[in-house]
Amino acid sequence: MDDRAGENVNHLDVRAASLPPNTELLQGFEQQELDLVLGAARLRRFSAKSVITRQGEPAEQLLLLWRGRARYFFETIHGKKLILIWITPGHIFGGAALVAPRSRYLLSAEAVRDSTVLVWDGPTIRSLARRLPRLMANACQIAMNYLSWYVGAHAAFSSQTARERLAHILLGYAPSIGRSIPGGTELNVTNEELASAANISPYTTSRLISEWQMAGAIRKNRGKLVLRSGRRLFLT
């Protein structure tokens, strides 16, 4: 982690009641166990566009997004940045810190908005996992969810058209990073980010977005995209 990008936050008190409701890592814990785990964490704040974990670096910390928004990305050997899963409050990243002292991060994570995260160093989170088997069980379930996402994404890239891939990306983003507004779901995402996530060219993305606008499936709203009808995304 780049210490220059993060700021320690010492004056905030995180309690179980203030955690996002979908905090899978801590599901099924008793109050005493929650107090133990949360008491071992530090709070850090990251500004938008900060890289929080870096692909290939030692996995020294496990992090949980408390407030804000982040996302995973992978950098290819040619320097291309591939946008992967978005991280919303309650989700963890840097899970490799649970595995072994010499593990490395498989992906990078960056803050999309100003964000606050809970941070456990590797020895601390591994010690907690030994004391609390449910912690490791929950982490394994999270890993299975990520694997399921990867299998689905790989299958889509192998068998779906560009239109189908982009449509599924939009539908997948809607519940995780979308905001309900009158007339649809607003997504704060750029054409370039959509192109990267769907593994298609920016030109193809712009063309499909224009076609969907004409069909009434989406509309642009103050520079953001509003999904109006998921069904119309698949109409040619």
Protein backbone atom coordinates (compact mmCIF):
# COMPACT_ATOMS: atom_id res chain seq x y z
CA MET A 1 0.00 0.00 0.00
CA ASP A 2 1.21 3.51 -0.76
CA ASP A 3 1.33 5.28 2.62
CA ARG A 4 1.48 8.64 0.88
CA ALA A 5 -1.98 8.05 -0.58
CA GLY A 6 -3.69 7.11 2.69
CA GLU A 7 -4.43 9.15 5.78
CA ASN A 8 -4.90 7.59 9.20
CA VAL A 9 -8.26 8.44 10.76
CA ASN A 10 -8.01 8.22 14.52
CA HIS A 11 -11.03 10.20 15.64
CA LEU A 12 -13.71 7.97 14.13
CA ASP A 13 -15.22 5.11 16.12
CA VAL A 14 -16.47 2.15 14.09
CA ARG A 15 -19.08 0.04 15.83
CA ALA A 16 -20.98 -2.98 14.60
CA ALA A 17 -24.12 -0.87 14.22
CA SER A 18 -22.36 1.46 11.78
CA LEU A 19 -21.08 -1.29 9.46
CA PRO A 20 -22.72 -1.64 6.04
CA PRO A 21 -25.47 -4.28 6.23
CA ASN A 22 -23.83 -6.47 3.55
CA THR A 23 -20.50 -6.92 5.35
CA GLU A 24 -20.04 -10.58 4.42
CA LEU A 25 -16.73 -11.02 6.25
CA LEU A 26 -18.44 -10.49 9.62
CA GLN A 27 -21.73 -12.31 9.01
CA GLY A 28 -22.88 -14.53 11.89
CA PHE A 29 -20.58 -13.02 14.52
CA GLU A 30 -21.56 -12.49 18.15
CA GLN A 31 -21.21 -8.98 19.56
CA GLN A 32 -18.11 -9.91 21.54
CA GLU A 33 -16.48 -11.31 18.40
CA LEU A 34 -17.38 -8.20 16.40
CA ASP A 35 -15.86 -5.99 19.07
CA LEU A 36 -12.68 -8.06 18.96
CA VAL A 37 -12.32 -7.88 15.18
CA LEU A 38 -13.25 -4.20 14.83
CA GLY A 39 -11.03 -3.25 17.75
CA ALA A 40 -8.03 -4.69 15.91
CA ALA A 41 -8.60 -2.56 12.78
CA ARG A 42 -7.31 0.87 11.86
CA LEU A 43 -9.26 3.45 9.89
CA ARG A 44 -7.66 5.06 6.88
CA ARG A 45 -8.97 7.57 4.39
CA PHE A 46 -8.07 7.59 0.68
CA SER A 47 -8.83 10.33 -1.78
CA ALA A 48 -10.46 9.57 -5.13
CA LYS A 49 -8.07 8.09 -7.72
CA SER A 50 -5.66 6.84 -5.04
CA VAL A 51 -4.24 3.36 -5.61
CA ILE A 52 -4.82 1.47 -2.35
CA THR A 53 -3.26 -1.91 -3.14
CA ARG A 54 -0.89 -2.67 -6.01
CA GLN A 55 -0.80 -5.81 -8.11
CA GLY A 56 2.30 -7.90 -7.39
CA GLU A 57 3.23 -6.21 -4.11
CA PRO A 58 3.36 -8.16 -0.82
CA ALA A 59 -0.13 -8.71 0.59
CA GLU A 60 0.50 -7.10 3.94
CA GLN A 61 -3.00 -5.85 4.74
CA LEU A 62 -6.65 -6.89 4.48
CA LEU A 63 -9.04 -4.00 3.90
CA LEU A 64 -12.78 -3.49 4.17
CA LEU A 65 -14.47 -0.56 2.46
CA TRP A 66 -16.48 1.32 5.07
CA ARG A 67 -17.47 4.41 3.10
CA GLY A 68 -16.98 5.48 -0.52
CA ARG A 69 -16.37 3.35 -3.61
CA ALA A 70 -13.39 1.53 -5.10
CA ARG A 71 -12.68 -1.00 -7.83
CA TYR A 72 -10.25 -3.72 -8.80
CA PHE A 73 -8.10 -3.42 -11.89
CA PHE A 74 -5.43 -5.52 -13.57
CA GLU A 75 -2.51 -4.06 -15.48
CA THR A 76 -1.29 -6.15 -18.41
CA ILE A 77 2.36 -6.53 -19.39
CA HIS A 78 1.68 -3.98 -22.15
CA GLY A 79 0.43 -1.43 -19.64
CA LYS A 80 -3.29 -1.74 -20.43
CA LYS A 81 -5.55 -1.19 -17.43
CA LEU A 82 -8.42 -3.68 -17.25
CA ILE A 83 -11.30 -2.60 -15.00
CA LEU A 84 -12.72 -5.55 -13.05
CA ILE A 85 -15.11 -5.76 -10.07
CA TRP A 86 -16.36 -2.61 -8.35
CA ILE A 87 -15.99 -2.50 -4.56
CA THR A 88 -18.85 -1.03 -2.53
CA PRO A 89 -19.18 -0.50 1.25
CA GLY A 90 -19.07 -3.75 3.18
CA HIS A 91 -16.81 -5.58 0.72
CA ILE A 92 -13.24 -6.59 1.45
CA PHE A 93 -10.16 -6.45 -0.75
CA GLY A 94 -6.58 -7.54 -0.27
CA GLY A 95 -7.80 -10.97 0.83
CA ALA A 96 -4.43 -12.52 -0.04
CA ALA A 97 -3.23 -11.22 3.34
CA LEU A 98 -5.21 -14.05 4.94
CA VAL A 99 -3.36 -16.77 3.06
CA ALA A 100 0.30 -16.65 4.09
CA PRO A 101 2.96 -14.16 5.14
CA ARG A 102 4.57 -14.06 1.68
CA SER A 103 1.44 -13.80 -0.49
CA ARG A 104 1.16 -11.06 -3.10
CA TYR A 105 -1.81 -9.08 -4.34
CA LEU A 106 -3.21 -10.53 -7.57
CA LEU A 107 -4.94 -7.26 -8.48
CA SER A 108 -4.71 -3.57 -7.76
CA ALA A 109 -7.49 -1.61 -6.07
CA GLU A 110 -8.13 2.10 -6.40
CA ALA A 111 -10.53 4.54 -4.78
CA VAL A 112 -13.14 5.86 -7.21
CA ARG A 113 -14.53 8.28 -4.65
CA ASP A 114 -13.07 9.64 -1.43
CA SER A 115 -13.17 6.52 0.73
CA THR A 116 -12.61 5.29 4.26
CA VAL A 117 -11.45 1.74 4.87
CA LEU A 118 -10.86 -0.54 7.81
CA VAL A 119 -7.37 -2.04 7.71
CA TRP A 120 -5.95 -5.12 9.43
CA ASP A 121 -2.28 -5.97 9.01
CA GLY A 122 -1.46 -9.51 7.90
CA PRO A 123 -0.32 -11.00 11.24
CA THR A 124 -3.35 -9.53 13.01
CA ILE A 125 -5.99 -10.79 10.57
CA ARG A 126 -4.38 -14.24 10.38
CA SER A 127 -4.34 -14.42 14.18
CA LEU A 128 -8.02 -13.46 14.30
CA ALA A 129 -8.83 -16.10 11.68
CA ARG A 130 -7.18 -18.77 13.84
CA ARG A 131 -9.21 -17.68 16.86
CA LEU A 132 -12.47 -17.22 14.94
CA PRO A 133 -12.97 -20.00 12.35
CA ARG A 134 -16.11 -18.24 11.04
CA LEU A 135 -13.89 -15.42 9.80
CA MET A 136 -11.98 -17.77 7.49
CA ALA A 137 -15.20 -19.53 6.46
CA ASN A 138 -16.73 -16.18 5.46
CA ALA A 139 -13.56 -15.25 3.57
CA CYS A 140 -13.71 -18.56 1.66
CA GLN A 141 -17.32 -17.84 0.69
CA ILE A 142 -16.29 -14.41 -0.59
CA ALA A 143 -13.50 -16.04 -2.61
CA MET A 144 -16.05 -18.46 -4.11
CA ASN A 145 -18.25 -15.50 -5.09
CA TYR A 146 -15.32 -13.88 -6.89
CA LEU A 147 -14.52 -17.15 -8.63
CA SER A 148 -18.14 -17.44 -9.78
CA TRP A 149 -17.93 -13.91 -11.16
CA TYR A 150 -14.72 -14.77 -13.02
CA VAL A 151 -16.19 -17.93 -14.55
CA GLY A 152 -19.26 -16.00 -15.69
CA ALA A 153 -17.15 -13.19 -17.12
CA HIS A 154 -14.85 -15.61 -18.96
CA ALA A 155 -17.82 -17.46 -20.42
CA ALA A 156 -19.34 -14.17 -21.56
CA PHE A 157 -16.13 -13.03 -23.26
CA SER A 158 -15.87 -16.37 -25.04
CA SER A 159 -19.43 -16.76 -26.27
CA GLN A 160 -21.30 -13.44 -26.29
CA THR A 161 -21.40 -10.63 -28.82
CA ALA A 162 -20.12 -7.15 -27.97
CA ARG A 163 -23.70 -5.97 -27.52
CA GLU A 164 -24.50 -8.81 -25.10
CA ARG A 165 -21.32 -8.27 -23.09
CA LEU A 166 -21.90 -4.55 -22.71
CA ALA A 167 -25.57 -5.10 -21.82
CA HIS A 168 -24.62 -7.58 -19.09
CA ILE A 169 -22.00 -5.18 -17.74
CA LEU A 170 -24.62 -2.43 -17.44
CA LEU A 171 -27.12 -4.77 -15.80
CA GLY A 172 -24.43 -6.01 -13.41
CA TYR A 173 -23.40 -2.48 -12.45
CA ALA A 174 -26.96 -1.31 -11.79
CA PRO A 175 -27.49 -3.00 -8.39
CA SER A 176 -23.93 -2.45 -7.15
CA ILE A 177 -23.05 1.14 -8.13
CA GLY A 178 -26.38 2.44 -9.46
CA ARG A 179 -28.62 5.01 -7.80
CA SER A 180 -32.38 4.88 -8.23
CA ILE A 181 -33.83 8.09 -9.65
CA PRO A 182 -37.17 8.87 -11.28
CA GLY A 183 -37.20 7.08 -14.61
CA GLY A 184 -34.42 4.59 -14.05
CA THR A 185 -31.06 3.79 -12.44
CA GLU A 186 -28.27 6.35 -12.66
CA LEU A 187 -24.73 5.06 -13.17
CA ASN A 188 -21.67 7.22 -12.66
CA VAL A 189 -19.51 5.39 -15.19
CA THR A 190 -17.73 6.50 -18.36
CA ASN A 191 -17.79 4.93 -21.82
CA GLU A 192 -14.09 4.14 -21.41
CA GLU A 193 -14.73 2.24 -18.18
CA LEU A 194 -17.57 0.31 -19.79
CA ALA A 195 -15.40 -0.53 -22.79
CA SER A 196 -12.65 -1.86 -20.54
CA ALA A 197 -15.04 -3.93 -18.42
CA ALA A 198 -16.74 -5.46 -21.48
CA ASN A 199 -13.44 -5.96 -23.34
CA ILE A 200 -14.61 -4.08 -26.42
CA SER A 201 -13.31 -0.96 -28.16
CA PRO A 202 -14.36 2.55 -27.06
CA TYR A 203 -15.72 3.11 -30.58
CA THR A 204 -18.01 0.07 -30.35
CA THR A 205 -19.11 1.15 -26.87
CA SER A 206 -20.02 4.66 -28.07
CA ARG A 207 -21.93 3.23 -31.03
CA LEU A 208 -23.96 0.86 -28.85
CA ILE A 209 -24.67 3.58 -26.29
CA SER A 210 -25.96 5.82 -29.09
CA GLU A 211 -28.18 3.03 -30.44
CA TRP A 212 -29.60 2.35 -26.98
CA GLN A 213 -30.28 6.04 -26.47
CA MET A 214 -32.28 6.13 -29.69
CA ALA A 215 -34.20 3.02 -28.62
CA GLY A 216 -35.03 4.56 -25.23
CA ALA A 217 -33.12 1.95 -23.23
CA ILE A 218 -30.79 4.53 -21.70
CA ARG A 219 -30.31 8.27 -21.58
CA LYS A 220 -27.55 10.63 -20.59
CA ASN A 221 -28.17 12.76 -17.53
CA ARG A 222 -25.63 15.45 -16.51
CA GLY A 223 -22.79 13.40 -17.92
CA LYS A 224 -24.03 10.21 -16.27
CA LEU A 225 -25.81 7.24 -17.80
CA VAL A 226 -29.38 6.36 -16.79
CA LEU A 227 -30.52 2.80 -17.42
CA ARG A 228 -34.23 2.96 -18.26
CA SER A 229 -35.01 -0.50 -19.66
CA GLY A 230 -32.79 -3.55 -19.32
CA ARG A 231 -34.94 -5.52 -21.76
CA ARG A 232 -34.34 -3.03 -24.57
CA LEU A 233 -30.59 -3.48 -24.30
CA PHE A 234 -30.92 -6.83 -26.05
CA LEU A 235 -33.12 -5.61 -28.89
CA THR A 236 -31.33 -5.19 -32.22
